[in-house]
Amino acid sequence: APHLRALAEEMRMSMAEIWEVATFY
């Protein structure tokens, strides 16, 4: 979760967008 939160910050995306892609594959 900390890495995904950092990725969201780095890409200026919402955590929800990151999480939905990460859980799809």
mmCIF file of all heavy atoms, coordinates in Angstrom:
data_MODEL
# 
_entry.id   MODEL 
# 
loop_
_atom_site.group_PDB 
_atom_site.id 
_atom_site.type_symbol 
_atom_site.label_atom_id 
_atom_site.label_alt_id 
_atom_site.label_comp_id 
_atom_site.label_asym_id 
_atom_site.label_entity_id 
_atom_site.label_seq_id 
_atom_site.pdbx_PDB_ins_code 
_atom_site.Cartn_x 
_atom_site.Cartn_y 
_atom_site.Cartn_z 
_atom_site.occupancy 
_atom_site.B_iso_or_equiv 
_atom_site.pdbx_formal_charge 
_atom_site.auth_seq_id 
_atom_site.auth_comp_id 
_atom_site.auth_asym_id 
_atom_site.auth_atom_id 
_atom_site.pdbx_PDB_model_num 
ATOM 1   N N   . ALA A 1 1  ? 0.826   -1.211 0.000   1.00 0.00 ? 1  ALA A N   1 
ATOM 2   C CA  . ALA A 1 1  ? 0.000   0.000  0.000   1.00 0.00 ? 1  ALA A CA  1 
ATOM 3   C C   . ALA A 1 1  ? 0.861   1.263  0.000   1.00 0.00 ? 1  ALA A C   1 
ATOM 4   O O   . ALA A 1 1  ? 0.563   2.212  -0.741  1.00 0.00 ? 1  ALA A O   1 
ATOM 5   C CB  . ALA A 1 1  ? -0.957  -0.016 1.195   1.00 0.00 ? 1  ALA A CB  1 
ATOM 6   N N   . PRO A 1 2  ? 1.958   1.349  0.794   1.00 0.00 ? 2  PRO A N   1 
ATOM 7   C CA  . PRO A 1 2  ? 2.802   2.548  0.735   1.00 0.00 ? 2  PRO A CA  1 
ATOM 8   C C   . PRO A 1 2  ? 3.415   2.780  -0.644  1.00 0.00 ? 2  PRO A C   1 
ATOM 9   O O   . PRO A 1 2  ? 3.511   3.920  -1.107  1.00 0.00 ? 2  PRO A O   1 
ATOM 10  C CB  . PRO A 1 2  ? 3.881   2.279  1.788   1.00 0.00 ? 2  PRO A CB  1 
ATOM 11  C CG  . PRO A 1 2  ? 3.231   1.353  2.758   1.00 0.00 ? 2  PRO A CG  1 
ATOM 12  C CD  . PRO A 1 2  ? 2.353   0.472  1.928   1.00 0.00 ? 2  PRO A CD  1 
ATOM 13  N N   . HIS A 1 3  ? 3.821   1.706  -1.321  1.00 0.00 ? 3  HIS A N   1 
ATOM 14  C CA  . HIS A 1 3  ? 4.387   1.865  -2.663  1.00 0.00 ? 3  HIS A CA  1 
ATOM 15  C C   . HIS A 1 3  ? 3.324   2.313  -3.661  1.00 0.00 ? 3  HIS A C   1 
ATOM 16  O O   . HIS A 1 3  ? 3.597   3.157  -4.531  1.00 0.00 ? 3  HIS A O   1 
ATOM 17  C CB  . HIS A 1 3  ? 5.025   0.552  -3.127  1.00 0.00 ? 3  HIS A CB  1 
ATOM 18  C CG  . HIS A 1 3  ? 6.371   0.301  -2.531  1.00 0.00 ? 3  HIS A CG  1 
ATOM 19  N ND1 . HIS A 1 3  ? 6.771   -0.953 -2.104  1.00 0.00 ? 3  HIS A ND1 1 
ATOM 20  C CD2 . HIS A 1 3  ? 7.419   1.128  -2.264  1.00 0.00 ? 3  HIS A CD2 1 
ATOM 21  C CE1 . HIS A 1 3  ? 8.002   -0.875 -1.623  1.00 0.00 ? 3  HIS A CE1 1 
ATOM 22  N NE2 . HIS A 1 3  ? 8.413   0.379  -1.698  1.00 0.00 ? 3  HIS A NE2 1 
ATOM 23  N N   . LEU A 1 4  ? 2.122   1.767  -3.550  1.00 0.00 ? 4  LEU A N   1 
ATOM 24  C CA  . LEU A 1 4  ? 1.051   2.182  -4.459  1.00 0.00 ? 4  LEU A CA  1 
ATOM 25  C C   . LEU A 1 4  ? 0.655   3.630  -4.194  1.00 0.00 ? 4  LEU A C   1 
ATOM 26  O O   . LEU A 1 4  ? 0.361   4.386  -5.132  1.00 0.00 ? 4  LEU A O   1 
ATOM 27  C CB  . LEU A 1 4  ? -0.158  1.255  -4.311  1.00 0.00 ? 4  LEU A CB  1 
ATOM 28  C CG  . LEU A 1 4  ? 0.062   -0.194 -4.786  1.00 0.00 ? 4  LEU A CG  1 
ATOM 29  C CD1 . LEU A 1 4  ? -1.207  -1.006 -4.593  1.00 0.00 ? 4  LEU A CD1 1 
ATOM 30  C CD2 . LEU A 1 4  ? 0.488   -0.232 -6.248  1.00 0.00 ? 4  LEU A CD2 1 
ATOM 31  N N   . ARG A 1 5  ? 0.662   4.011  -2.931  1.00 0.00 ? 5  ARG A N   1 
ATOM 32  C CA  . ARG A 1 5  ? 0.354   5.415  -2.601  1.00 0.00 ? 5  ARG A CA  1 
ATOM 33  C C   . ARG A 1 5  ? 1.422   6.341  -3.186  1.00 0.00 ? 5  ARG A C   1 
ATOM 34  O O   . ARG A 1 5  ? 1.110   7.419  -3.731  1.00 0.00 ? 5  ARG A O   1 
ATOM 35  C CB  . ARG A 1 5  ? 0.292   5.574  -1.075  1.00 0.00 ? 5  ARG A CB  1 
ATOM 36  C CG  . ARG A 1 5  ? 0.172   7.026  -0.598  1.00 0.00 ? 5  ARG A CG  1 
ATOM 37  C CD  . ARG A 1 5  ? -1.152  7.651  -1.015  1.00 0.00 ? 5  ARG A CD  1 
ATOM 38  N NE  . ARG A 1 5  ? -1.233  9.054  -0.618  1.00 0.00 ? 5  ARG A NE  1 
ATOM 39  C CZ  . ARG A 1 5  ? -0.786  10.068 -1.364  1.00 0.00 ? 5  ARG A CZ  1 
ATOM 40  N NH1 . ARG A 1 5  ? -0.219  9.822  -2.542  1.00 0.00 ? 5  ARG A NH1 1 
ATOM 41  N NH2 . ARG A 1 5  ? -0.916  11.309 -0.936  1.00 0.00 ? 5  ARG A NH2 1 
ATOM 42  N N   . ALA A 1 6  ? 2.675   5.920  -3.099  1.00 0.00 ? 6  ALA A N   1 
ATOM 43  C CA  . ALA A 1 6  ? 3.761   6.722  -3.659  1.00 0.00 ? 6  ALA A CA  1 
ATOM 44  C C   . ALA A 1 6  ? 3.669   6.790  -5.178  1.00 0.00 ? 6  ALA A C   1 
ATOM 45  O O   . ALA A 1 6  ? 3.918   7.841  -5.788  1.00 0.00 ? 6  ALA A O   1 
ATOM 46  C CB  . ALA A 1 6  ? 5.108   6.139  -3.232  1.00 0.00 ? 6  ALA A CB  1 
ATOM 47  N N   . LEU A 1 7  ? 3.279   5.670  -5.810  1.00 0.00 ? 7  LEU A N   1 
ATOM 48  C CA  . LEU A 1 7  ? 3.118   5.662  -7.270  1.00 0.00 ? 7  LEU A CA  1 
ATOM 49  C C   . LEU A 1 7  ? 1.992   6.596  -7.692  1.00 0.00 ? 7  LEU A C   1 
ATOM 50  O O   . LEU A 1 7  ? 2.106   7.322  -8.692  1.00 0.00 ? 7  LEU A O   1 
ATOM 51  C CB  . LEU A 1 7  ? 2.846   4.238  -7.753  1.00 0.00 ? 7  LEU A CB  1 
ATOM 52  C CG  . LEU A 1 7  ? 2.720   4.047  -9.269  1.00 0.00 ? 7  LEU A CG  1 
ATOM 53  C CD1 . LEU A 1 7  ? 4.000   4.457  -9.983  1.00 0.00 ? 7  LEU A CD1 1 
ATOM 54  C CD2 . LEU A 1 7  ? 2.378   2.588  -9.591  1.00 0.00 ? 7  LEU A CD2 1 
ATOM 55  N N   . ALA A 1 8  ? 0.905   6.599  -6.916  1.00 0.00 ? 8  ALA A N   1 
ATOM 56  C CA  . ALA A 1 8  ? -0.208  7.505  -7.212  1.00 0.00 ? 8  ALA A CA  1 
ATOM 57  C C   . ALA A 1 8  ? 0.257   8.960  -7.129  1.00 0.00 ? 8  ALA A C   1 
ATOM 58  O O   . ALA A 1 8  ? -0.103  9.790  -7.979  1.00 0.00 ? 8  ALA A O   1 
ATOM 59  C CB  . ALA A 1 8  ? -1.361  7.255  -6.235  1.00 0.00 ? 8  ALA A CB  1 
ATOM 60  N N   . GLU A 1 9  ? 1.054   9.255  -6.131  1.00 0.00 ? 9  GLU A N   1 
ATOM 61  C CA  . GLU A 1 9  ? 1.577   10.620 -5.988  1.00 0.00 ? 9  GLU A CA  1 
ATOM 62  C C   . GLU A 1 9  ? 2.489   10.980 -7.151  1.00 0.00 ? 9  GLU A C   1 
ATOM 63  O O   . GLU A 1 9  ? 2.398   12.077 -7.717  1.00 0.00 ? 9  GLU A O   1 
ATOM 64  C CB  . GLU A 1 9  ? 2.352   10.728 -4.664  1.00 0.00 ? 9  GLU A CB  1 
ATOM 65  C CG  . GLU A 1 9  ? 2.895   12.103 -4.360  1.00 0.00 ? 9  GLU A CG  1 
ATOM 66  C CD  . GLU A 1 9  ? 1.809   13.086 -3.943  1.00 0.00 ? 9  GLU A CD  1 
ATOM 67  O OE1 . GLU A 1 9  ? 0.724   12.628 -3.526  1.00 0.00 ? 9  GLU A OE1 1 
ATOM 68  O OE2 . GLU A 1 9  ? 2.053   14.307 -4.033  1.00 0.00 ? 9  GLU A OE2 1 
ATOM 69  N N   . GLU A 1 10 ? 3.351   10.048 -7.513  1.00 0.00 ? 10 GLU A N   1 
ATOM 70  C CA  . GLU A 1 10 ? 4.322   10.307 -8.566  1.00 0.00 ? 10 GLU A CA  1 
ATOM 71  C C   . GLU A 1 10 ? 3.649   10.511 -9.927  1.00 0.00 ? 10 GLU A C   1 
ATOM 72  O O   . GLU A 1 10 ? 4.105   11.302 -10.744 1.00 0.00 ? 10 GLU A O   1 
ATOM 73  C CB  . GLU A 1 10 ? 5.316   9.142  -8.635  1.00 0.00 ? 10 GLU A CB  1 
ATOM 74  C CG  . GLU A 1 10 ? 6.552   9.405  -9.454  1.00 0.00 ? 10 GLU A CG  1 
ATOM 75  C CD  . GLU A 1 10 ? 7.457   10.467 -8.856  1.00 0.00 ? 10 GLU A CD  1 
ATOM 76  O OE1 . GLU A 1 10 ? 7.292   10.824 -7.670  1.00 0.00 ? 10 GLU A OE1 1 
ATOM 77  O OE2 . GLU A 1 10 ? 8.329   10.948 -9.594  1.00 0.00 ? 10 GLU A OE2 1 
ATOM 78  N N   . MET A 1 11 ? 2.555   9.779  -10.168 1.00 0.00 ? 11 MET A N   1 
ATOM 79  C CA  . MET A 1 11 ? 1.873   9.865  -11.457 1.00 0.00 ? 11 MET A CA  1 
ATOM 80  C C   . MET A 1 11 ? 0.694   10.828 -11.440 1.00 0.00 ? 11 MET A C   1 
ATOM 81  O O   . MET A 1 11 ? 0.001   10.978 -12.444 1.00 0.00 ? 11 MET A O   1 
ATOM 82  C CB  . MET A 1 11 ? 1.404   8.472  -11.885 1.00 0.00 ? 11 MET A CB  1 
ATOM 83  C CG  . MET A 1 11 ? 2.543   7.475  -12.077 1.00 0.00 ? 11 MET A CG  1 
ATOM 84  S SD  . MET A 1 11 ? 2.002   5.928  -12.801 1.00 0.00 ? 11 MET A SD  1 
ATOM 85  C CE  . MET A 1 11 ? 1.624   6.450  -14.471 1.00 0.00 ? 11 MET A CE  1 
ATOM 86  N N   . ARG A 1 12 ? 0.456   11.439 -10.297 1.00 0.00 ? 12 ARG A N   1 
ATOM 87  C CA  . ARG A 1 12 ? -0.673  12.376 -10.132 1.00 0.00 ? 12 ARG A CA  1 
ATOM 88  C C   . ARG A 1 12 ? -1.992  11.699 -10.486 1.00 0.00 ? 12 ARG A C   1 
ATOM 89  O O   . ARG A 1 12 ? -2.826  12.219 -11.236 1.00 0.00 ? 12 ARG A O   1 
ATOM 90  C CB  . ARG A 1 12 ? -0.471  13.635 -10.987 1.00 0.00 ? 12 ARG A CB  1 
ATOM 91  C CG  . ARG A 1 12 ? 0.879   14.318 -10.808 1.00 0.00 ? 12 ARG A CG  1 
ATOM 92  C CD  . ARG A 1 12 ? 1.228   14.572 -9.353  1.00 0.00 ? 12 ARG A CD  1 
ATOM 93  N NE  . ARG A 1 12 ? 0.287   15.461 -8.694  1.00 0.00 ? 12 ARG A NE  1 
ATOM 94  C CZ  . ARG A 1 12 ? 0.197   15.635 -7.383  1.00 0.00 ? 12 ARG A CZ  1 
ATOM 95  N NH1 . ARG A 1 12 ? 0.999   14.945 -6.571  1.00 0.00 ? 12 ARG A NH1 1 
ATOM 96  N NH2 . ARG A 1 12 ? -0.688  16.460 -6.870  1.00 0.00 ? 12 ARG A NH2 1 
ATOM 97  N N   . MET A 1 13 ? -2.166  10.493 -9.950  1.00 0.00 ? 13 MET A N   1 
ATOM 98  C CA  . MET A 1 13 ? -3.386  9.716  -10.150 1.00 0.00 ? 13 MET A CA  1 
ATOM 99  C C   . MET A 1 13 ? -3.997  9.415  -8.800  1.00 0.00 ? 13 MET A C   1 
ATOM 100 O O   . MET A 1 13 ? -3.322  9.458  -7.768  1.00 0.00 ? 13 MET A O   1 
ATOM 101 C CB  . MET A 1 13 ? -3.084  8.406  -10.887 1.00 0.00 ? 13 MET A CB  1 
ATOM 102 C CG  . MET A 1 13 ? -2.634  8.557  -12.326 1.00 0.00 ? 13 MET A CG  1 
ATOM 103 S SD  . MET A 1 13 ? -2.126  6.970  -13.042 1.00 0.00 ? 13 MET A SD  1 
ATOM 104 C CE  . MET A 1 13 ? -3.642  6.013  -12.873 1.00 0.00 ? 13 MET A CE  1 
ATOM 105 N N   . SER A 1 14 ? -5.278  9.074  -8.821  1.00 0.00 ? 14 SER A N   1 
ATOM 106 C CA  . SER A 1 14 ? -5.934  8.699  -7.571  1.00 0.00 ? 14 SER A CA  1 
ATOM 107 C C   . SER A 1 14 ? -5.520  7.288  -7.170  1.00 0.00 ? 14 SER A C   1 
ATOM 108 O O   . SER A 1 14 ? -5.208  6.446  -8.016  1.00 0.00 ? 14 SER A O   1 
ATOM 109 C CB  . SER A 1 14 ? -7.455  8.755  -7.724  1.00 0.00 ? 14 SER A CB  1 
ATOM 110 O OG  . SER A 1 14 ? -7.921  7.695  -8.542  1.00 0.00 ? 14 SER A OG  1 
ATOM 111 N N   . MET A 1 15 ? -5.549  7.041  -5.876  1.00 0.00 ? 15 MET A N   1 
ATOM 112 C CA  . MET A 1 15 ? -5.239  5.708  -5.370  1.00 0.00 ? 15 MET A CA  1 
ATOM 113 C C   . MET A 1 15 ? -6.244  4.691  -5.908  1.00 0.00 ? 15 MET A C   1 
ATOM 114 O O   . MET A 1 15 ? -5.907  3.530  -6.166  1.00 0.00 ? 15 MET A O   1 
ATOM 115 C CB  . MET A 1 15 ? -5.263  5.722  -3.838  1.00 0.00 ? 15 MET A CB  1 
ATOM 116 C CG  . MET A 1 15 ? -4.808  4.440  -3.178  1.00 0.00 ? 15 MET A CG  1 
ATOM 117 S SD  . MET A 1 15 ? -3.048  4.123  -3.429  1.00 0.00 ? 15 MET A SD  1 
ATOM 118 C CE  . MET A 1 15 ? -2.845  2.637  -2.457  1.00 0.00 ? 15 MET A CE  1 
ATOM 119 N N   . ALA A 1 16 ? -7.477  5.120  -6.093  1.00 0.00 ? 16 ALA A N   1 
ATOM 120 C CA  . ALA A 1 16 ? -8.509  4.212  -6.604  1.00 0.00 ? 16 ALA A CA  1 
ATOM 121 C C   . ALA A 1 16 ? -8.160  3.711  -8.002  1.00 0.00 ? 16 ALA A C   1 
ATOM 122 O O   . ALA A 1 16 ? -8.331  2.526  -8.320  1.00 0.00 ? 16 ALA A O   1 
ATOM 123 C CB  . ALA A 1 16 ? -9.868  4.911  -6.617  1.00 0.00 ? 16 ALA A CB  1 
ATOM 124 N N   . GLU A 1 17 ? -7.658  4.593  -8.860  1.00 0.00 ? 17 GLU A N   1 
ATOM 125 C CA  . GLU A 1 17 ? -7.275  4.191  -10.214 1.00 0.00 ? 17 GLU A CA  1 
ATOM 126 C C   . GLU A 1 17 ? -6.126  3.188  -10.185 1.00 0.00 ? 17 GLU A C   1 
ATOM 127 O O   . GLU A 1 17 ? -6.129  2.188  -10.909 1.00 0.00 ? 17 GLU A O   1 
ATOM 128 C CB  . GLU A 1 17 ? -6.854  5.416  -11.025 1.00 0.00 ? 17 GLU A CB  1 
ATOM 129 C CG  . GLU A 1 17 ? -7.973  6.337  -11.444 1.00 0.00 ? 17 GLU A CG  1 
ATOM 130 C CD  . GLU A 1 17 ? -7.434  7.522  -12.227 1.00 0.00 ? 17 GLU A CD  1 
ATOM 131 O OE1 . GLU A 1 17 ? -6.903  8.465  -11.593 1.00 0.00 ? 17 GLU A OE1 1 
ATOM 132 O OE2 . GLU A 1 17 ? -7.529  7.501  -13.477 1.00 0.00 ? 17 GLU A OE2 1 
ATOM 133 N N   . ILE A 1 18 ? -5.133  3.463  -9.337  1.00 0.00 ? 18 ILE A N   1 
ATOM 134 C CA  . ILE A 1 18 ? -3.991  2.562  -9.212  1.00 0.00 ? 18 ILE A CA  1 
ATOM 135 C C   . ILE A 1 18 ? -4.456  1.192  -8.715  1.00 0.00 ? 18 ILE A C   1 
ATOM 136 O O   . ILE A 1 18 ? -4.068  0.150  -9.248  1.00 0.00 ? 18 ILE A O   1 
ATOM 137 C CB  . ILE A 1 18 ? -2.944  3.133  -8.234  1.00 0.00 ? 18 ILE A CB  1 
ATOM 138 C CG1 . ILE A 1 18 ? -2.458  4.511  -8.687  1.00 0.00 ? 18 ILE A CG1 1 
ATOM 139 C CG2 . ILE A 1 18 ? -1.795  2.153  -8.042  1.00 0.00 ? 18 ILE A CG2 1 
ATOM 140 C CD1 . ILE A 1 18 ? -1.463  4.520  -9.796  1.00 0.00 ? 18 ILE A CD1 1 
ATOM 141 N N   . TRP A 1 19 ? -5.297  1.216  -7.697  1.00 0.00 ? 19 TRP A N   1 
ATOM 142 C CA  . TRP A 1 19 ? -5.735  -0.035 -7.058  1.00 0.00 ? 19 TRP A CA  1 
ATOM 143 C C   . TRP A 1 19 ? -6.580  -0.883 -8.004  1.00 0.00 ? 19 TRP A C   1 
ATOM 144 O O   . TRP A 1 19 ? -6.433  -2.103 -8.046  1.00 0.00 ? 19 TRP A O   1 
ATOM 145 C CB  . TRP A 1 19 ? -6.509  0.281  -5.783  1.00 0.00 ? 19 TRP A CB  1 
ATOM 146 C CG  . TRP A 1 19 ? -6.804  -0.928 -4.953  1.00 0.00 ? 19 TRP A CG  1 
ATOM 147 C CD1 . TRP A 1 19 ? -7.953  -1.653 -4.924  1.00 0.00 ? 19 TRP A CD1 1 
ATOM 148 C CD2 . TRP A 1 19 ? -5.918  -1.578 -4.032  1.00 0.00 ? 19 TRP A CD2 1 
ATOM 149 N NE1 . TRP A 1 19 ? -7.840  -2.702 -4.052  1.00 0.00 ? 19 TRP A NE1 1 
ATOM 150 C CE2 . TRP A 1 19 ? -6.604  -2.684 -3.488  1.00 0.00 ? 19 TRP A CE2 1 
ATOM 151 C CE3 . TRP A 1 19 ? -4.610  -1.328 -3.609  1.00 0.00 ? 19 TRP A CE3 1 
ATOM 152 C CZ2 . TRP A 1 19 ? -6.028  -3.530 -2.557  1.00 0.00 ? 19 TRP A CZ2 1 
ATOM 153 C CZ3 . TRP A 1 19 ? -4.038  -2.179 -2.676  1.00 0.00 ? 19 TRP A CZ3 1 
ATOM 154 C CH2 . TRP A 1 19 ? -4.753  -3.270 -2.162  1.00 0.00 ? 19 TRP A CH2 1 
ATOM 155 N N   . GLU A 1 20 ? -7.452  -0.254 -8.792  1.00 0.00 ? 20 GLU A N   1 
ATOM 156 C CA  . GLU A 1 20 ? -8.330  -1.051 -9.664  1.00 0.00 ? 20 GLU A CA  1 
ATOM 157 C C   . GLU A 1 20 ? -7.513  -1.745 -10.755 1.00 0.00 ? 20 GLU A C   1 
ATOM 158 O O   . GLU A 1 20 ? -7.841  -2.870 -11.160 1.00 0.00 ? 20 GLU A O   1 
ATOM 159 C CB  . GLU A 1 20 ? -9.424  -0.194 -10.285 1.00 0.00 ? 20 GLU A CB  1 
ATOM 160 C CG  . GLU A 1 20 ? -9.000  0.754  -11.375 1.00 0.00 ? 20 GLU A CG  1 
ATOM 161 C CD  . GLU A 1 20 ? -10.181 1.446  -12.042 1.00 0.00 ? 20 GLU A CD  1 
ATOM 162 O OE1 . GLU A 1 20 ? -11.306 1.348  -11.509 1.00 0.00 ? 20 GLU A OE1 1 
ATOM 163 O OE2 . GLU A 1 20 ? -9.975  2.084  -13.095 1.00 0.00 ? 20 GLU A OE2 1 
ATOM 164 N N   . VAL A 1 21 ? -6.443  -1.115 -11.223 1.00 0.00 ? 21 VAL A N   1 
ATOM 165 C CA  . VAL A 1 21 ? -5.591  -1.762 -12.223 1.00 0.00 ? 21 VAL A CA  1 
ATOM 166 C C   . VAL A 1 21 ? -4.760  -2.868 -11.578 1.00 0.00 ? 21 VAL A C   1 
ATOM 167 O O   . VAL A 1 21 ? -4.639  -3.976 -12.113 1.00 0.00 ? 21 VAL A O   1 
ATOM 168 C CB  . VAL A 1 21 ? -4.684  -0.728 -12.915 1.00 0.00 ? 21 VAL A CB  1 
ATOM 169 C CG1 . VAL A 1 21 ? -3.678  -1.417 -13.835 1.00 0.00 ? 21 VAL A CG1 1 
ATOM 170 C CG2 . VAL A 1 21 ? -5.521  0.264  -13.719 1.00 0.00 ? 21 VAL A CG2 1 
ATOM 171 N N   . ALA A 1 22 ? -4.206  -2.591 -10.413 1.00 0.00 ? 22 ALA A N   1 
ATOM 172 C CA  . ALA A 1 22 ? -3.358  -3.569 -9.734  1.00 0.00 ? 22 ALA A CA  1 
ATOM 173 C C   . ALA A 1 22 ? -4.124  -4.837 -9.376  1.00 0.00 ? 22 ALA A C   1 
ATOM 174 O O   . ALA A 1 22 ? -3.555  -5.937 -9.372  1.00 0.00 ? 22 ALA A O   1 
ATOM 175 C CB  . ALA A 1 22 ? -2.746  -2.955 -8.481  1.00 0.00 ? 22 ALA A CB  1 
ATOM 176 N N   . THR A 1 23 ? -5.409  -4.708 -9.063  1.00 0.00 ? 23 THR A N   1 
ATOM 177 C CA  . THR A 1 23 ? -6.202  -5.875 -8.666  1.00 0.00 ? 23 THR A CA  1 
ATOM 178 C C   . THR A 1 23 ? -6.840  -6.588 -9.850  1.00 0.00 ? 23 THR A C   1 
ATOM 179 O O   . THR A 1 23 ? -7.403  -7.676 -9.688  1.00 0.00 ? 23 THR A O   1 
ATOM 180 C CB  . THR A 1 23 ? -7.305  -5.466 -7.678  1.00 0.00 ? 23 THR A CB  1 
ATOM 181 O OG1 . THR A 1 23 ? -8.087  -4.402 -8.244  1.00 0.00 ? 23 THR A OG1 1 
ATOM 182 C CG2 . THR A 1 23 ? -6.712  -5.010 -6.365  1.00 0.00 ? 23 THR A CG2 1 
ATOM 183 N N   . PHE A 1 24 ? -6.756  -6.008 -11.042 1.00 0.00 ? 24 PHE A N   1 
ATOM 184 C CA  . PHE A 1 24 ? -7.373  -6.630 -12.224 1.00 0.00 ? 24 PHE A CA  1 
ATOM 185 C C   . PHE A 1 24 ? -6.519  -7.770 -12.766 1.00 0.00 ? 24 PHE A C   1 
ATOM 186 O O   . PHE A 1 24 ? -7.034  -8.778 -13.240 1.00 0.00 ? 24 PHE A O   1 
ATOM 187 C CB  . PHE A 1 24 ? -7.582  -5.576 -13.317 1.00 0.00 ? 24 PHE A CB  1 
ATOM 188 C CG  . PHE A 1 24 ? -8.266  -6.090 -14.554 1.00 0.00 ? 24 PHE A CG  1 
ATOM 189 C CD1 . PHE A 1 24 ? -9.650  -6.116 -14.633 1.00 0.00 ? 24 PHE A CD1 1 
ATOM 190 C CD2 . PHE A 1 24 ? -7.526  -6.559 -15.629 1.00 0.00 ? 24 PHE A CD2 1 
ATOM 191 C CE1 . PHE A 1 24 ? -10.282 -6.602 -15.773 1.00 0.00 ? 24 PHE A CE1 1 
ATOM 192 C CE2 . PHE A 1 24 ? -8.154  -7.046 -16.772 1.00 0.00 ? 24 PHE A CE2 1 
ATOM 193 C CZ  . PHE A 1 24 ? -9.535  -7.061 -16.841 1.00 0.00 ? 24 PHE A CZ  1 
ATOM 194 N N   . TYR A 1 25 ? -5.201  -7.619 -12.680 1.00 0.00 ? 25 TYR A N   1 
ATOM 195 C CA  . TYR A 1 25 ? -4.284  -8.553 -13.343 1.00 0.00 ? 25 TYR A CA  1 
ATOM 196 C C   . TYR A 1 25 ? -3.739  -9.589 -12.364 1.00 0.00 ? 25 TYR A C   1 
ATOM 197 O O   . TYR A 1 25 ? -3.348  -9.265 -11.255 1.00 0.00 ? 25 TYR A O   1 
ATOM 198 C CB  . TYR A 1 25 ? -3.128  -7.775 -13.977 1.00 0.00 ? 25 TYR A CB  1 
ATOM 199 C CG  . TYR A 1 25 ? -3.584  -6.855 -15.093 1.00 0.00 ? 25 TYR A CG  1 
ATOM 200 C CD1 . TYR A 1 25 ? -3.879  -5.512 -14.844 1.00 0.00 ? 25 TYR A CD1 1 
ATOM 201 C CD2 . TYR A 1 25 ? -3.742  -7.325 -16.389 1.00 0.00 ? 25 TYR A CD2 1 
ATOM 202 C CE1 . TYR A 1 25 ? -4.306  -4.672 -15.857 1.00 0.00 ? 25 TYR A CE1 1 
ATOM 203 C CE2 . TYR A 1 25 ? -4.173  -6.491 -17.409 1.00 0.00 ? 25 TYR A CE2 1 
ATOM 204 C CZ  . TYR A 1 25 ? -4.455  -5.163 -17.143 1.00 0.00 ? 25 TYR A CZ  1 
ATOM 205 O OH  . TYR A 1 25 ? -4.885  -4.337 -18.145 1.00 0.00 ? 25 TYR A OH  1 
# 
